[in-house]
Amino acid sequence: MEFNLFSNWSLKSGYPFLMAGPCSAENAEQVLAAARELKKIPIHLFRAGVWKPRTRPNSFEGAGEEGLKWIKAAKDETGLPSTVEVASPLHVELALKYGVDVLWIGARTMVSPFTVQSIADSLSGTDIPVIVKNPVNPDIDLWIGGIERIYNNGITQLAAIHRGFSTYDKSKYRNKPLWEIPLELKRRYPDLPLLCDPSHIGGKRELLLPLAQKALDLNFDGLMIEVHPSPDEALSDAQQQITPQVFSDLLKALIIRKRNAEESVAYSSLEELRIIIDKLDEHLLETLSERMSYSEKIGVFKKENDIAIFQPERWNEIVNRVKFLAAEKNLSEDIVLKIFDFIQKESIRKQSSVMYGKVVEGNR
């Protein structure tokens, strides 16, 4: 896939690319007040939801078409380009009717390929930019699939938004960041603009700054932050919205780092360190290959002596030892255990191949 980086609002027009505005368009005065203040900062794109897919019924679900009128009026006065969330072909039709400049597809919509496809089909023949949020569940292929569906209908002005993922385990975040997923998306599609929505990841105002800083430190292209003239009175997601003044202060507090190492005067020193890292990676792979060769030898021994492949006592012994070594070497126990879990699975696969002459699916 090839992307033209929001040709009308190029990311080169200012870094980071900023999208801001209230979670929901609540009335004409609120929308206009937010747009006027954000115009001063300034931002690239004004956001406001008019259709709100709420988790429970009887919540404020947006102003609908009336809200689009308020957003258009704010755009006419301030000149700020606008973006709204769409969840159906009807939403697309109405958004285009009122001159919305950019559409975004939300996390709940992204879980349904049929719905995303219907939206993609309704966009055929248009050239409007589209931003695709990650699905609520941590599934990178589902995220990529949604992007592909939009792209396949002729939309090349595409970007992705990371807004975190819903999980059952408790966390200080409203939606766990799981940064490795958006970073893998960026690895696969380096030309795809990647923005971060710290409002939905954190769910609390006090988490906005550290999350926004983390995103920029990871080389995200921009931020989407919920800004409301009176956030405590907001009809939706009040706890995660901030005032325009707080938003301005947050931007001033961010450390904007060089995006490319080549821009640094010390680049040659960095390259020297990278060469060392590359050599160490080679040693790691050589060591891993040697370890797997011994796993195969153990598999031969177990086959010749009718010994079961998986030995729980031995695995517990390994786990306890690597925990100790991780602490001794100042490494994250969680990361080390994950690495050895993969090593264990590969060892079982190797020994299964020796035992049966083929890979047994159940032992993957």
Protein backbone atom coordinates (compact mmCIF):
# COMPACT_ATOMS: atom_id res chain seq x y z
CA MET A 1 0.00 0.00 0.00
CA GLU A 2 1.20 3.50 -0.81
CA PHE A 3 -0.01 6.56 1.08
CA ASN A 4 0.14 10.23 0.19
CA LEU A 5 0.29 11.49 3.76
CA PHE A 6 -2.84 13.64 3.94
CA SER A 7 -1.91 15.79 0.97
CA ASN A 8 -4.15 18.66 2.10
CA TRP A 9 -2.74 18.70 5.65
CA SER A 10 0.73 17.32 5.14
CA LEU A 11 2.45 16.02 8.24
CA LYS A 12 5.35 18.19 7.09
CA SER A 13 3.28 21.27 7.86
CA GLY A 14 4.17 20.91 11.50
CA TYR A 15 5.25 18.21 13.93
CA PRO A 16 3.54 16.75 15.77
CA PHE A 17 0.32 16.59 13.72
CA LEU A 18 -2.40 17.73 16.13
CA MET A 19 -6.06 16.75 16.23
CA ALA A 20 -8.11 18.17 19.09
CA GLY A 21 -11.64 19.02 20.12
CA PRO A 22 -14.44 17.79 22.34
CA CYS A 23 -15.35 14.13 22.66
CA SER A 24 -18.91 15.05 21.62
CA ALA A 25 -20.48 18.01 19.86
CA GLU A 26 -23.06 19.00 22.51
CA ASN A 27 -24.40 22.34 21.27
CA ALA A 28 -23.50 25.10 18.85
CA GLU A 29 -21.93 27.34 21.52
CA GLN A 30 -19.70 24.60 22.93
CA VAL A 31 -18.40 23.56 19.48
CA LEU A 32 -17.68 27.14 18.44
CA ALA A 33 -16.00 28.02 21.73
CA ALA A 34 -13.69 24.99 21.46
CA ALA A 35 -12.81 25.73 17.83
CA ARG A 36 -12.06 29.40 18.54
CA GLU A 37 -9.61 28.55 21.34
CA LEU A 38 -7.95 25.70 19.43
CA LYS A 39 -7.46 27.94 16.41
CA LYS A 40 -5.18 30.10 18.56
CA ILE A 41 -2.88 27.23 19.55
CA PRO A 42 -3.07 26.21 16.60
CA ILE A 43 -4.04 22.66 15.60
CA HIS A 44 -4.21 20.91 12.24
CA LEU A 45 -7.62 19.25 12.57
CA PHE A 46 -10.68 19.93 14.73
CA ARG A 47 -12.42 16.80 16.05
CA ALA A 48 -15.89 16.36 17.53
CA GLY A 49 -18.08 13.28 17.68
CA VAL A 50 -21.69 13.50 16.52
CA TRP A 51 -22.46 9.76 16.65
CA LYS A 52 -21.26 8.19 19.89
CA PRO A 53 -21.33 4.37 20.14
CA ARG A 54 -21.81 4.07 23.90
CA THR A 55 -21.27 0.85 25.83
CA ARG A 56 -24.62 1.05 27.63
CA PRO A 57 -28.00 2.41 26.45
CA ASN A 58 -29.53 5.61 27.84
CA SER A 59 -26.19 7.41 27.58
CA PHE A 60 -25.64 10.46 25.41
CA GLU A 61 -25.18 9.01 21.92
CA GLY A 62 -24.46 12.23 20.05
CA ALA A 63 -26.34 15.06 18.37
CA GLY A 64 -26.32 13.41 14.95
CA GLU A 65 -26.94 15.54 11.85
CA GLU A 66 -27.60 18.64 13.98
CA GLY A 67 -24.05 18.36 15.33
CA LEU A 68 -22.67 18.42 11.80
CA LYS A 69 -24.31 21.82 11.33
CA TRP A 70 -22.49 23.15 14.40
CA ILE A 71 -19.16 21.80 13.19
CA LYS A 72 -19.68 23.35 9.75
CA ALA A 73 -20.47 26.71 11.35
CA ALA A 74 -17.28 26.49 13.45
CA LYS A 75 -15.26 25.65 10.36
CA ASP A 76 -16.80 28.55 8.42
CA GLU A 77 -15.73 30.98 11.15
CA THR A 78 -12.33 29.61 12.15
CA GLY A 79 -11.19 27.90 8.96
CA LEU A 80 -10.16 24.79 10.92
CA PRO A 81 -10.55 21.57 8.92
CA SER A 82 -12.88 19.10 10.68
CA THR A 83 -13.08 15.39 11.33
CA VAL A 84 -15.87 13.18 12.71
CA GLU A 85 -16.28 9.49 13.45
CA VAL A 86 -18.46 7.49 11.05
CA ALA A 87 -19.92 4.04 11.68
CA SER A 88 -22.20 3.48 8.67
CA PRO A 89 -22.66 4.50 5.03
CA LEU A 90 -25.39 6.92 6.16
CA HIS A 91 -22.89 8.65 8.44
CA VAL A 92 -20.48 8.95 5.51
CA GLU A 93 -23.20 10.46 3.31
CA LEU A 94 -24.15 13.07 5.91
CA ALA A 95 -20.54 13.94 6.77
CA LEU A 96 -19.77 14.57 3.11
CA LYS A 97 -22.98 16.61 2.76
CA TYR A 98 -21.82 19.02 5.49
CA GLY A 99 -18.26 19.33 4.18
CA VAL A 100 -16.38 17.33 6.82
CA ASP A 101 -12.74 17.19 5.70
CA VAL A 102 -11.53 13.93 7.27
CA LEU A 103 -13.40 10.84 8.48
CA TRP A 104 -12.32 8.47 11.18
CA ILE A 105 -13.47 4.94 11.89
CA GLY A 106 -13.74 4.09 15.58
CA ALA A 107 -12.49 1.13 17.58
CA ARG A 108 -15.90 -0.48 18.08
CA THR A 109 -16.69 -0.29 14.37
CA MET A 110 -13.32 -1.80 13.51
CA VAL A 111 -14.21 -5.13 15.12
CA SER A 112 -16.74 -5.85 12.33
CA PRO A 113 -15.22 -6.45 8.87
CA PHE A 114 -18.72 -6.36 7.33
CA THR A 115 -19.36 -2.88 8.73
CA VAL A 116 -15.93 -1.60 7.70
CA GLN A 117 -16.48 -2.99 4.21
CA SER A 118 -19.84 -1.23 3.91
CA ILE A 119 -18.17 2.06 4.90
CA ALA A 120 -15.33 1.41 2.47
CA ASP A 121 -17.80 0.77 -0.36
CA SER A 122 -19.63 4.02 0.42
CA LEU A 123 -16.33 5.90 0.06
CA SER A 124 -15.67 4.59 -3.44
CA GLY A 125 -15.22 7.47 -5.87
CA THR A 126 -14.29 10.01 -3.16
CA ASP A 127 -10.83 11.24 -2.21
CA ILE A 128 -11.55 12.17 1.41
CA PRO A 129 -8.81 11.28 3.93
CA VAL A 130 -9.68 8.50 6.40
CA ILE A 131 -8.16 7.73 9.79
CA VAL A 132 -8.52 4.17 11.09
CA LYS A 133 -8.42 3.53 14.83
CA ASN A 134 -7.27 0.18 16.15
CA PRO A 135 -10.02 -2.33 17.03
CA VAL A 136 -10.86 -2.64 20.73
CA ASN A 137 -9.23 -6.09 20.86
CA PRO A 138 -5.46 -6.42 20.37
CA ASP A 139 -5.54 -7.87 16.83
CA ILE A 140 -3.10 -6.25 14.42
CA ASP A 141 -4.38 -8.22 11.43
CA LEU A 142 -7.91 -6.94 12.04
CA TRP A 143 -6.52 -3.41 12.16
CA ILE A 144 -4.57 -3.90 8.93
CA GLY A 145 -7.59 -5.55 7.32
CA GLY A 146 -9.69 -2.46 7.99
CA ILE A 147 -7.02 -0.23 6.48
CA GLU A 148 -6.81 -2.50 3.43
CA ARG A 149 -10.59 -2.41 2.91
CA ILE A 150 -10.53 1.39 2.80
CA TYR A 151 -7.44 1.47 0.59
CA ASN A 152 -8.90 -1.05 -1.86
CA ASN A 153 -11.76 1.35 -2.52
CA GLY A 154 -9.42 4.03 -3.77
CA ILE A 155 -8.67 5.95 -0.57
CA THR A 156 -4.92 6.55 -0.35
CA GLN A 157 -4.99 9.43 2.13
CA LEU A 158 -4.91 7.14 5.15
CA ALA A 159 -3.62 7.27 8.69
CA ALA A 160 -3.89 5.03 11.75
CA ILE A 161 -4.71 5.98 15.33
CA HIS A 162 -3.57 4.00 18.36
CA ARG A 163 -6.16 4.36 21.15
CA GLY A 164 -5.25 1.35 23.27
CA PHE A 165 -6.90 -2.04 23.75
CA SER A 166 -9.58 -3.43 26.03
CA THR A 167 -8.41 -6.26 28.29
CA TYR A 168 -9.95 -8.15 31.21
CA ASP A 169 -7.08 -7.61 33.62
CA LYS A 170 -7.04 -4.46 35.72
CA SER A 171 -4.78 -1.60 34.74
CA LYS A 172 -4.26 2.06 35.54
CA TYR A 173 -5.22 2.74 31.94
CA ARG A 174 -8.71 2.86 30.49
CA ASN A 175 -7.31 0.94 27.51
CA LYS A 176 -3.91 -0.73 27.76
CA PRO A 177 -1.35 0.82 25.41
CA LEU A 178 0.34 -2.42 24.27
CA TRP A 179 2.81 -0.25 22.36
CA GLU A 180 4.31 -3.23 20.56
CA ILE A 181 1.19 -3.53 18.37
CA PRO A 182 1.22 -0.03 16.80
CA LEU A 183 5.00 -0.25 16.48
CA GLU A 184 4.63 -3.48 14.52
CA LEU A 185 2.07 -1.75 12.29
CA LYS A 186 4.61 1.03 11.68
CA ARG A 187 7.32 -1.52 10.94
CA ARG A 188 5.17 -3.16 8.29
CA TYR A 189 3.93 0.12 6.81
CA PRO A 190 6.57 2.79 7.53
CA ASP A 191 4.87 5.35 5.25
CA LEU A 192 1.50 5.07 7.02
CA PRO A 193 1.05 8.07 9.37
CA LEU A 194 0.58 6.81 12.92
CA LEU A 195 -1.12 9.01 15.51
CA CYS A 196 -1.79 8.39 19.21
CA ASP A 197 -4.99 9.03 21.18
CA PRO A 198 -3.74 9.34 24.78
CA SER A 199 -7.21 10.48 25.92
CA HIS A 200 -8.72 7.04 25.32
CA ILE A 201 -5.64 5.12 26.42
CA GLY A 202 -5.42 6.88 29.77
CA GLY A 203 -9.01 7.76 30.51
CA LYS A 204 -7.74 10.31 33.05
CA ARG A 205 -6.35 13.82 32.58
CA GLU A 206 -3.26 13.16 34.68
CA LEU A 207 -2.12 10.41 32.30
CA LEU A 208 -2.29 12.54 29.16
CA LEU A 209 1.16 14.14 29.32
CA PRO A 210 3.19 10.97 30.02
CA LEU A 211 1.27 9.03 27.36
CA ALA A 212 1.65 11.80 24.77
CA GLN A 213 5.37 12.05 25.55
CA LYS A 214 5.75 8.28 25.26
CA ALA A 215 4.07 8.33 21.83
CA LEU A 216 6.37 11.06 20.54
CA ASP A 217 9.41 9.31 22.00
CA LEU A 218 8.34 6.25 19.98
CA ASN A 219 8.26 8.44 16.85
CA PHE A 220 4.49 8.63 16.38
CA ASP A 221 3.49 11.26 13.82
CA GLY A 222 0.96 13.09 15.95
CA LEU A 223 -1.65 13.21 18.69
CA MET A 224 -5.44 13.21 18.98
CA ILE A 225 -6.53 14.77 22.27
CA GLU A 226 -9.99 15.56 23.62
CA VAL A 227 -10.38 19.24 24.50
CA HIS A 228 -13.58 20.76 25.92
CA PRO A 229 -14.32 24.35 27.07
CA SER A 230 -15.82 22.99 30.33
CA PRO A 231 -14.68 19.36 30.62
CA ASP A 232 -16.28 18.69 34.02
CA GLU A 233 -19.67 19.41 32.43
CA ALA A 234 -19.06 17.21 29.36
CA LEU A 235 -21.84 14.80 28.37
CA SER A 236 -19.34 12.04 27.56
CA ASP A 237 -15.87 11.03 28.81
CA ALA A 238 -15.57 14.02 31.13
CA GLN A 239 -12.63 12.60 33.10
CA GLN A 240 -10.31 12.42 30.11
CA GLN A 241 -11.04 15.84 28.56
CA ILE A 242 -9.04 18.99 29.26
CA THR A 243 -9.52 22.72 28.71
CA PRO A 244 -7.86 24.52 25.79
CA GLN A 245 -5.47 26.20 28.24
CA VAL A 246 -4.40 22.88 29.76
CA PHE A 247 -3.96 21.51 26.25
CA SER A 248 -1.73 24.44 25.35
CA ASP A 249 0.32 23.90 28.53
CA LEU A 250 0.62 20.19 27.73
CA LEU A 251 2.04 20.94 24.28
CA LYS A 252 4.59 23.31 25.79
CA ALA A 253 5.64 20.62 28.26
CA LEU A 254 6.29 18.01 25.57
CA ILE A 255 9.89 17.31 24.61
CA ILE A 256 10.09 17.24 20.81
CA ARG A 257 13.02 15.04 19.85
CA LYS A 258 14.78 14.63 16.51
CA ARG A 259 12.78 12.16 14.43
CA ASN A 260 15.75 10.80 12.49
CA ALA A 261 19.12 9.91 13.95
CA GLU A 262 20.77 11.34 10.82
CA GLU A 263 19.77 14.82 12.02
CA SER A 264 22.06 14.52 15.04
CA VAL A 265 25.62 15.83 14.97
CA ALA A 266 26.59 12.73 16.97
CA TYR A 267 25.16 10.39 14.33
CA SER A 268 28.52 8.67 13.70
CA SER A 269 28.72 7.66 17.37
CA LEU A 270 25.22 6.23 17.18
CA GLU A 271 26.19 4.21 14.11
CA GLU A 272 29.14 2.73 16.01
CA LEU A 273 26.80 1.60 18.78
CA ARG A 274 24.37 0.14 16.23
CA ILE A 275 27.18 -1.90 14.67
CA ILE A 276 27.91 -3.36 18.11
CA ILE A 277 24.20 -4.12 18.59
CA ASP A 278 24.07 -5.89 15.21
CA LYS A 279 27.03 -8.07 16.21
CA LEU A 280 25.42 -8.92 19.53
CA ASP A 281 22.19 -9.86 17.73
CA GLU A 282 24.19 -12.24 15.55
CA HIS A 283 25.72 -13.81 18.67
CA LEU A 284 22.25 -14.17 20.22
CA LEU A 285 20.96 -16.00 17.15
CA GLU A 286 24.06 -18.21 17.00
CA THR A 287 23.59 -19.10 20.68
CA LEU A 288 19.89 -19.77 20.14
CA SER A 289 20.67 -22.01 17.16
CA GLU A 290 23.19 -23.94 19.26
CA ARG A 291 20.66 -24.30 22.07
CA MET A 292 18.08 -25.72 19.66
CA SER A 293 20.60 -28.24 18.36
CA TYR A 294 20.98 -29.54 21.93
CA SER A 295 17.18 -29.64 22.28
CA GLU A 296 17.11 -31.96 19.27
CA LYS A 297 19.79 -34.17 20.87
CA ILE A 298 17.66 -34.34 24.02
CA GLY A 299 14.71 -35.26 21.79
CA VAL A 300 16.72 -38.18 20.38
CA PHE A 301 17.58 -39.32 23.91
CA LYS A 302 13.93 -39.15 25.01
CA LYS A 303 12.79 -41.09 21.96
CA GLU A 304 15.39 -43.84 22.48
CA ASN A 305 14.49 -44.15 26.17
CA ASP A 306 10.69 -43.69 25.90
CA ILE A 307 10.68 -40.48 27.95
CA ALA A 308 7.86 -37.94 27.64
CA ILE A 309 8.76 -34.74 25.82
CA PHE A 310 7.46 -32.23 28.36
CA GLN A 311 9.00 -32.48 31.84
CA PRO A 312 7.26 -30.01 34.21
CA GLU A 313 9.94 -30.29 36.91
CA ARG A 314 12.67 -29.37 34.45
CA TRP A 315 10.66 -26.44 33.11
CA ASN A 316 10.07 -25.11 36.64
CA GLU A 317 13.78 -25.44 37.29
CA ILE A 318 14.55 -23.35 34.18
CA VAL A 319 11.95 -20.71 35.12
CA ASN A 320 13.33 -20.30 38.63
CA ARG A 321 16.89 -20.07 37.34
CA VAL A 322 16.16 -17.44 34.67
CA LYS A 323 14.19 -15.38 37.23
CA PHE A 324 17.29 -15.30 39.41
CA LEU A 325 19.55 -14.46 36.48
CA ALA A 326 17.19 -11.73 35.24
CA ALA A 327 17.33 -10.00 38.62
CA GLU A 328 21.10 -10.44 38.82
CA LYS A 329 21.61 -8.90 35.38
CA ASN A 330 19.07 -6.09 35.87
CA LEU A 331 16.68 -7.42 33.22
CA SER A 332 12.88 -7.34 33.30
CA GLU A 333 11.65 -10.65 34.72
CA ASP A 334 8.46 -10.38 32.68
CA ILE A 335 10.33 -9.93 29.38
CA VAL A 336 12.86 -12.69 30.14
CA LEU A 337 10.08 -15.15 31.01
CA LYS A 338 8.29 -14.32 27.76
CA ILE A 339 11.47 -14.95 25.79
CA PHE A 340 12.04 -18.29 27.49
CA ASP A 341 8.42 -19.25 26.98
CA PHE A 342 8.98 -18.93 23.23
CA ILE A 343 12.26 -20.84 23.54
CA GLN A 344 10.44 -23.62 25.41
CA LYS A 345 7.76 -23.85 22.74
CA GLU A 346 10.39 -24.06 20.01
CA SER A 347 12.26 -26.75 21.99
CA ILE A 348 9.06 -28.79 22.26
CA ARG A 349 8.49 -28.35 18.53
CA LYS A 350 12.03 -29.55 17.77
CA GLN A 351 11.73 -32.56 20.08
CA SER A 352 8.30 -33.42 18.68
CA SER A 353 9.79 -33.38 15.20
CA VAL A 354 12.46 -35.85 16.37
CA MET A 355 9.93 -38.02 18.22
CA TYR A 356 7.35 -38.28 15.45
CA GLY A 357 9.31 -37.34 12.37
CA LYS A 358 7.04 -34.29 11.90
CA VAL A 359 5.73 -31.29 13.81
CA VAL A 360 2.75 -32.08 16.02
CA GLU A 361 0.26 -29.20 15.95
CA GLY A 362 -0.72 -29.64 19.57
CA ASN A 363 2.86 -29.00 20.66
CA ARG A 364 3.32 -25.73 18.83
